[in-house]
């Protein structure tokens, strides 16, 4: 019996020893400390820490005057930066030089510095705009002073001032002085006004606005439409002007020679403000430079002062001093 008692006591002792873990903290012990996430660093430091943005960092440093661009992106603030990748800068070098082997570093020349400064500031907003707050379809004013727009998509698409497009590939990289979005193409600010843009399209293939350009020159409106603006122009195609000649029963030469009529008709196609598609006041009377009104419905069909219908067939061609929308019928003010 004594032997049995000793065996039971030994078993209890071993069992108790197994449950005694000197490394187990008391139930009321405080949990171990958790490392805090690193505090955000500036936009410049964020770019420096991102391998795919090394060309952007080099461009900012090169294009700075007395370190001004570096300071802008380093000091406290509420910035948004659309940051092009190294591959995007390489593609821009090919685009601007025409050399298939050109690299982004080849752009860092004294001759290119003024352009680089404008281009870099064109990628910066002076307010913090995270992905959820992007004003899709609206004109977005940059630190350079020009605008671009962003449209929705699986990867949102930016249209720059030269009507080139870039995709946003990553969003909301937080910095201490703002936010960074990554893009796959370098944006370029506009380099043509409305008249120059129409002229370029008229010379394109297929040509679009040959008669419109002739009409603007004949009416002496080229200087006005090349001015600061901003303007919105509803631009009739050559086919639209051809249909108008048949409707009025006149030749092109006769129309271009009738300066009072031509001026009245053309200024009826112009608004004295920049109105992108997203901001078109659907269903409301729209006052033109000619002072008469027309109306646009939800299908983007325009009803002019004579009750005639014209369709907006393409929208938001950006220019330095405004925007162009393409229409398929010439609008006519009241007789």
Foldseek 3Di string as FASTA:
>chain_A
DVVVVVVVVVVVVVVVVVVDDVPDDPPPDDDDDDDDPDDFAWPLVVLVVDVFQPLVNVLLVLLDDVSVSVCVRHDAAAKEFAGAGQQQLQVVQCVVVVDPRRGNVVCSDPVNSVQSVLLRQQRMARHAAFPVRFPAQDWGATSSGATWHWHDDVFIWIQAQQRDIKTFPATFPDHNRHGYTYIHHRGGHFDFFPLRVLVVQCPDVVRWQPLVNLLCVLLVNPVVSRDQFQKEFAGETPQQVVVVCVVVVHDSVVQSNPNVQSVLQRQQRMARHAAFPVRFPAPDWGATSSGHTWHAHPQQWIQEQVRDIKHFPATFNHHRRHTYTYIHHRHHHDD
